[in-house]
Amino acid sequence: MAIEDRGFASMDRNKQREIASKGGRAAHKKGAAHEWTREEAQAAGRKGGLARHRRPDDRLTSDDTSASTLPPVASTSESSSIDER
């Protein structure tokens, strides 16, 4: 049996949904499932929306290396002349 034929991720999407649905129903029946309050759902949605719509340059910190501080990369013509020496 190949590795690709094993595990939850390799299953048909409908089979995955069926198994996950059974687990969700069992968790709710047991009382172990998390149920979101209105406030929790709002906070999670707000957090996800902010993270999703943040501009890439806003994510950089002073410790991050930006492309402008990196040394230039040798072009192919420069690297071929170096190899000829």
Protein backbone atom coordinates (compact mmCIF):
# COMPACT_ATOMS: atom_id res chain seq x y z
CA MET A 1 0.00 0.00 0.00
CA ALA A 2 1.46 3.37 -1.02
CA ILE A 3 1.64 6.25 1.43
CA GLU A 4 -0.79 8.23 -0.74
CA ASP A 5 -3.48 5.59 -0.12
CA ARG A 6 -3.47 6.04 3.65
CA GLY A 7 -4.90 8.62 6.01
CA PHE A 8 -7.72 11.10 6.26
CA ALA A 9 -6.29 13.57 3.73
CA SER A 10 -6.13 10.96 0.96
CA MET A 11 -9.81 10.06 1.34
CA ASP A 12 -12.57 11.23 -0.95
CA ARG A 13 -13.88 14.66 0.16
CA ASN A 14 -17.38 13.27 0.78
CA LYS A 15 -16.00 10.49 2.99
CA GLN A 16 -14.00 13.09 4.96
CA ARG A 17 -17.15 15.19 5.47
CA GLU A 18 -19.10 12.14 6.60
CA ILE A 19 -16.48 11.18 9.20
CA ALA A 20 -16.03 14.76 10.42
CA SER A 21 -19.78 15.20 10.70
CA LYS A 22 -20.07 12.11 12.89
CA GLY A 23 -17.30 13.45 15.13
CA GLY A 24 -19.00 16.82 15.41
CA ARG A 25 -22.34 15.27 16.33
CA ALA A 26 -20.67 13.03 18.92
CA ALA A 27 -18.85 15.98 20.48
CA HIS A 28 -22.06 17.99 20.77
CA LYS A 29 -23.91 15.02 22.23
CA LYS A 30 -21.12 14.53 24.78
CA GLY A 31 -21.08 18.24 25.60
CA ALA A 32 -17.41 18.63 24.67
CA ALA A 33 -17.95 20.73 21.51
CA HIS A 34 -17.15 24.43 21.64
CA GLU A 35 -20.11 26.68 20.93
CA TRP A 36 -19.28 30.25 19.99
CA THR A 37 -20.90 33.14 21.77
CA ARG A 38 -21.82 36.17 19.70
CA GLU A 39 -18.89 38.11 21.18
CA GLU A 40 -16.38 35.32 20.45
CA ALA A 41 -17.56 35.03 16.86
CA GLN A 42 -17.32 38.78 16.33
CA ALA A 43 -13.80 38.93 17.78
CA ALA A 44 -12.63 35.98 15.64
CA GLY A 45 -14.10 37.48 12.49
CA ARG A 46 -12.54 40.85 13.20
CA LYS A 47 -9.14 39.29 13.88
CA GLY A 48 -9.28 37.21 10.69
CA GLY A 49 -10.39 40.17 8.61
CA LEU A 50 -7.59 42.36 9.90
CA ALA A 51 -4.99 39.70 9.24
CA ARG A 52 -6.34 39.00 5.75
CA HIS A 53 -6.44 42.62 4.62
CA ARG A 54 -3.19 43.83 6.17
CA ARG A 55 -0.73 45.25 3.62
CA PRO A 56 2.50 43.23 3.27
CA ASP A 57 4.71 46.17 4.33
CA ASP A 58 2.71 46.49 7.58
CA ARG A 59 3.85 43.00 8.60
CA LEU A 60 7.56 43.88 8.50
CA THR A 61 9.21 44.79 11.77
CA SER A 62 12.50 46.58 12.36
CA ASP A 63 14.18 43.17 12.75
CA ASP A 64 13.06 41.96 9.31
CA THR A 65 15.40 42.26 6.35
CA SER A 66 13.88 44.12 3.47
CA ALA A 67 14.88 43.64 -0.15
CA SER A 68 16.44 47.12 -0.32
CA THR A 69 19.14 46.24 2.24
CA LEU A 70 20.29 43.07 0.47
CA PRO A 71 23.40 43.20 -1.73
CA PRO A 72 22.76 43.08 -5.49
CA VAL A 73 22.72 39.68 -7.14
CA ALA A 74 25.20 39.05 -9.93
CA SER A 75 23.61 38.86 -13.36
CA THR A 76 24.17 35.86 -15.61
CA SER A 77 26.71 37.75 -17.72
CA GLU A 78 28.76 38.60 -14.62
CA SER A 79 28.65 35.05 -13.29
CA SER A 80 29.74 33.58 -16.66
CA SER A 81 32.78 35.89 -16.80
CA ILE A 82 33.77 34.78 -13.30
CA ASP A 83 33.65 31.14 -14.36
CA GLU A 84 35.97 31.79 -17.31
CA ARG A 85 38.89 32.92 -15.08
